[in-house]
Each structure stands twice: as structure tokens, then as C-alpha cells.
Amino acid sequence: MSPGGLRFAYRMTPWVKRLIIANAVVFILMVTLTRAGTVSFEALVTYLGFDASRILTTPWTVITYMFVHGGFLHVFIN
């Protein structure tokens, strides 16, 4: 038995930590840009979100879609 009586402990891998940080950074940037009035939330979702019908014109969305969240609760639950 390990210290503290826990048999199996959960540890975050370095890549999971990096993904969490990347999601938080993109979310903060999106909130900052939309509150500053620089760009609308809908425009950011259109630019970064995945849409199969636009894959040839926006290939980066295959990666960026995972960083687009609808709000703090959405980020937190994910």
C-alpha cells in the first residue's frame, strides 16, 4: 500500500498538463478579444471551429477546434 492509503494514484502526464494550459490560454484570449470588442465570439468560432464542408479552405481547424469552448463551464467540464 502506498503512503496515505491510496492504492492507485492519478498523476497527470506532461502532455495532459500542456493541453490544459493551452485550452486555458486560448479561452482567456478568446474572452479578452470578445470583451474588448476586437472580434465577435461567433467570428472566432467560425475561424477556429471545425466544419467538414470548409476543410479545404480552413485546414487548421482540424487542430484548433479542440481549443474552442462555449464558456467557463464548458472548459471546466472538459
N, C-alpha and C. Protein backbone atom coordinates (compact mmCIF):
# COMPACT_ATOMS: atom_id res chain seq x y z
N MET A 1 0.84 -1.18 0.00
CA MET A 1 0.00 0.00 0.00
C MET A 1 0.88 1.25 0.00
N SER A 2 0.50 2.23 -0.78
CA SER A 2 1.28 3.46 -0.87
C SER A 2 0.96 4.40 0.28
N PRO A 3 1.80 5.42 0.49
CA PRO A 3 1.55 6.39 1.57
C PRO A 3 0.18 7.04 1.42
N GLY A 4 -0.48 7.23 2.53
CA GLY A 4 -1.80 7.84 2.51
C GLY A 4 -2.92 6.84 2.31
N GLY A 5 -2.58 5.58 2.13
CA GLY A 5 -3.58 4.54 2.00
C GLY A 5 -4.19 4.41 0.61
N LEU A 6 -3.71 5.14 -0.36
CA LEU A 6 -4.25 5.04 -1.71
C LEU A 6 -3.46 4.01 -2.50
N ARG A 7 -4.16 3.09 -3.05
CA ARG A 7 -3.50 2.04 -3.80
C ARG A 7 -3.13 2.51 -5.21
N PHE A 8 -4.04 3.22 -5.84
CA PHE A 8 -3.80 3.75 -7.18
C PHE A 8 -3.92 5.26 -7.14
N ALA A 9 -2.89 5.93 -7.53
CA ALA A 9 -2.91 7.40 -7.52
C ALA A 9 -2.96 7.89 -8.96
N TYR A 10 -3.71 8.94 -9.18
CA TYR A 10 -3.82 9.53 -10.51
C TYR A 10 -2.76 10.61 -10.66
N ARG A 11 -1.98 10.50 -11.69
CA ARG A 11 -0.98 11.53 -12.00
C ARG A 11 -1.19 12.01 -13.42
N MET A 12 -1.14 13.32 -13.58
CA MET A 12 -1.27 13.91 -14.90
C MET A 12 0.03 13.78 -15.66
N THR A 13 -0.07 13.38 -16.90
CA THR A 13 1.12 13.30 -17.74
C THR A 13 1.49 14.72 -18.19
N PRO A 14 2.73 14.91 -18.60
CA PRO A 14 3.13 16.24 -19.08
C PRO A 14 2.28 16.73 -20.26
N TRP A 15 1.87 15.84 -21.14
CA TRP A 15 1.06 16.27 -22.29
C TRP A 15 -0.33 16.68 -21.88
N VAL A 16 -0.89 16.03 -20.88
CA VAL A 16 -2.21 16.44 -20.39
C VAL A 16 -2.11 17.84 -19.77
N LYS A 17 -1.05 18.09 -19.03
CA LYS A 17 -0.83 19.42 -18.45
C LYS A 17 -0.70 20.47 -19.55
N ARG A 18 0.04 20.15 -20.59
CA ARG A 18 0.21 21.10 -21.70
C ARG A 18 -1.12 21.40 -22.39
N LEU A 19 -1.94 20.38 -22.60
CA LEU A 19 -3.24 20.58 -23.23
C LEU A 19 -4.16 21.44 -22.36
N ILE A 20 -4.13 21.21 -21.06
CA ILE A 20 -4.94 22.01 -20.15
C ILE A 20 -4.49 23.47 -20.18
N ILE A 21 -3.19 23.69 -20.17
CA ILE A 21 -2.66 25.06 -20.23
C ILE A 21 -3.03 25.70 -21.57
N ALA A 22 -2.89 24.97 -22.66
CA ALA A 22 -3.22 25.52 -23.98
C ALA A 22 -4.71 25.88 -24.05
N ASN A 23 -5.58 25.02 -23.52
CA ASN A 23 -7.00 25.32 -23.51
C ASN A 23 -7.31 26.56 -22.69
N ALA A 24 -6.66 26.69 -21.54
CA ALA A 24 -6.89 27.85 -20.68
C ALA A 24 -6.41 29.13 -21.37
N VAL A 25 -5.24 29.09 -22.01
CA VAL A 25 -4.69 30.26 -22.68
C VAL A 25 -5.60 30.70 -23.83
N VAL A 26 -6.03 29.76 -24.65
CA VAL A 26 -6.90 30.10 -25.78
C VAL A 26 -8.23 30.64 -25.27
N PHE A 27 -8.78 30.04 -24.22
CA PHE A 27 -10.04 30.53 -23.67
C PHE A 27 -9.89 31.96 -23.15
N ILE A 28 -8.82 32.23 -22.43
CA ILE A 28 -8.58 33.59 -21.91
C ILE A 28 -8.41 34.58 -23.07
N LEU A 29 -7.69 34.19 -24.11
CA LEU A 29 -7.53 35.06 -25.28
C LEU A 29 -8.87 35.32 -25.96
N MET A 30 -9.68 34.29 -26.10
CA MET A 30 -11.00 34.47 -26.73
C MET A 30 -11.87 35.40 -25.90
N VAL A 31 -11.88 35.22 -24.59
CA VAL A 31 -12.68 36.08 -23.72
C VAL A 31 -12.17 37.52 -23.80
N THR A 32 -10.86 37.69 -23.77
CA THR A 32 -10.27 39.02 -23.84
C THR A 32 -10.61 39.72 -25.15
N LEU A 33 -10.47 39.01 -26.27
CA LEU A 33 -10.77 39.60 -27.57
C LEU A 33 -12.24 39.96 -27.72
N THR A 34 -13.12 39.10 -27.23
CA THR A 34 -14.56 39.39 -27.38
C THR A 34 -15.00 40.51 -26.45
N ARG A 35 -14.46 40.58 -25.25
CA ARG A 35 -14.84 41.66 -24.32
C ARG A 35 -14.26 43.00 -24.76
N ALA A 36 -13.12 42.98 -25.42
CA ALA A 36 -12.51 44.22 -25.90
C ALA A 36 -13.23 44.73 -27.15
N GLY A 37 -14.08 43.89 -27.71
CA GLY A 37 -14.81 44.28 -28.92
C GLY A 37 -13.99 44.15 -30.19
N THR A 38 -12.85 43.50 -30.08
CA THR A 38 -11.97 43.32 -31.24
C THR A 38 -12.61 42.40 -32.28
N VAL A 39 -13.22 41.35 -31.81
CA VAL A 39 -13.84 40.36 -32.71
C VAL A 39 -15.00 39.70 -31.95
N SER A 40 -16.00 39.25 -32.68
CA SER A 40 -17.13 38.60 -32.03
C SER A 40 -16.81 37.13 -31.73
N PHE A 41 -17.49 36.60 -30.74
CA PHE A 41 -17.30 35.19 -30.38
C PHE A 41 -17.66 34.29 -31.56
N GLU A 42 -18.73 34.63 -32.25
CA GLU A 42 -19.16 33.84 -33.39
C GLU A 42 -18.10 33.81 -34.49
N ALA A 43 -17.42 34.95 -34.70
CA ALA A 43 -16.36 35.00 -35.71
C ALA A 43 -15.18 34.11 -35.31
N LEU A 44 -14.84 34.10 -34.03
CA LEU A 44 -13.76 33.23 -33.56
C LEU A 44 -14.12 31.76 -33.72
N VAL A 45 -15.35 31.42 -33.39
CA VAL A 45 -15.80 30.03 -33.53
C VAL A 45 -15.79 29.63 -35.01
N THR A 46 -16.22 30.52 -35.87
CA THR A 46 -16.20 30.24 -37.31
C THR A 46 -14.78 30.04 -37.82
N TYR A 47 -13.85 30.87 -37.34
CA TYR A 47 -12.47 30.81 -37.79
C TYR A 47 -11.71 29.61 -37.23
N LEU A 48 -11.97 29.26 -35.96
CA LEU A 48 -11.22 28.19 -35.30
C LEU A 48 -11.96 26.86 -35.22
N GLY A 49 -13.28 26.90 -35.28
CA GLY A 49 -14.08 25.68 -35.14
C GLY A 49 -14.09 24.84 -36.40
N PHE A 50 -14.25 23.55 -36.23
CA PHE A 50 -14.22 22.61 -37.36
C PHE A 50 -15.57 22.54 -38.06
N ASP A 51 -15.52 22.61 -39.38
CA ASP A 51 -16.70 22.43 -40.22
C ASP A 51 -16.24 21.61 -41.43
N ALA A 52 -16.73 20.41 -41.54
CA ALA A 52 -16.26 19.49 -42.59
C ALA A 52 -16.43 20.07 -43.99
N SER A 53 -17.44 20.90 -44.19
CA SER A 53 -17.66 21.46 -45.52
C SER A 53 -16.62 22.51 -45.89
N ARG A 54 -15.85 23.00 -44.90
CA ARG A 54 -14.84 24.03 -45.16
C ARG A 54 -13.41 23.49 -44.97
N ILE A 55 -13.22 22.20 -44.94
CA ILE A 55 -11.91 21.62 -44.62
C ILE A 55 -10.82 22.03 -45.61
N LEU A 56 -11.16 22.22 -46.87
CA LEU A 56 -10.15 22.59 -47.86
C LEU A 56 -9.72 24.05 -47.73
N THR A 57 -10.59 24.90 -47.23
CA THR A 57 -10.25 26.32 -47.09
C THR A 57 -9.76 26.67 -45.70
N THR A 58 -10.05 25.84 -44.71
CA THR A 58 -9.61 26.09 -43.32
C THR A 58 -9.04 24.81 -42.70
N PRO A 59 -7.92 24.31 -43.21
CA PRO A 59 -7.38 23.03 -42.72
C PRO A 59 -6.90 23.07 -41.27
N TRP A 60 -6.54 24.25 -40.73
CA TRP A 60 -6.07 24.35 -39.35
C TRP A 60 -7.16 23.98 -38.34
N THR A 61 -8.42 24.01 -38.75
CA THR A 61 -9.50 23.73 -37.81
C THR A 61 -9.51 22.28 -37.34
N VAL A 62 -8.79 21.40 -38.05
CA VAL A 62 -8.67 20.01 -37.60
C VAL A 62 -7.99 19.96 -36.23
N ILE A 63 -7.14 20.94 -35.95
CA ILE A 63 -6.44 21.02 -34.67
C ILE A 63 -7.08 22.05 -33.74
N THR A 64 -7.42 23.21 -34.27
CA THR A 64 -7.88 24.31 -33.41
C THR A 64 -9.26 24.11 -32.81
N TYR A 65 -10.09 23.24 -33.39
CA TYR A 65 -11.44 23.06 -32.86
C TYR A 65 -11.43 22.63 -31.40
N MET A 66 -10.41 21.89 -30.98
CA MET A 66 -10.39 21.37 -29.61
C MET A 66 -10.11 22.45 -28.57
N PHE A 67 -9.72 23.63 -29.03
CA PHE A 67 -9.44 24.72 -28.10
C PHE A 67 -10.59 25.72 -28.01
N VAL A 68 -11.65 25.52 -28.79
CA VAL A 68 -12.79 26.43 -28.79
C VAL A 68 -13.82 25.92 -27.77
N HIS A 69 -14.16 26.79 -26.82
CA HIS A 69 -15.14 26.43 -25.79
C HIS A 69 -16.21 27.50 -25.69
N GLY A 70 -17.40 27.09 -25.29
CA GLY A 70 -18.54 27.99 -25.23
C GLY A 70 -18.61 28.82 -23.97
N GLY A 71 -17.82 28.53 -22.99
CA GLY A 71 -17.84 29.28 -21.73
C GLY A 71 -16.99 28.59 -20.68
N PHE A 72 -16.90 29.22 -19.50
CA PHE A 72 -16.05 28.67 -18.45
C PHE A 72 -16.50 27.27 -18.05
N LEU A 73 -17.80 27.06 -17.90
CA LEU A 73 -18.30 25.75 -17.51
C LEU A 73 -17.92 24.68 -18.54
N HIS A 74 -17.98 25.02 -19.80
CA HIS A 74 -17.59 24.09 -20.86
C HIS A 74 -16.11 23.71 -20.72
N VAL A 75 -15.24 24.69 -20.46
CA VAL A 75 -13.82 24.41 -20.26
C VAL A 75 -13.63 23.55 -19.02
N PHE A 76 -14.29 23.91 -17.94
CA PHE A 76 -14.14 23.21 -16.67
C PHE A 76 -14.58 21.75 -16.78
N ILE A 77 -15.71 21.50 -17.41
CA ILE A 77 -16.22 20.13 -17.52
C ILE A 77 -15.33 19.29 -18.43
N ASN A 78 -14.83 19.90 -19.50
CA ASN A 78 -13.93 19.16 -20.40
C ASN A 78 -12.64 18.82 -19.70
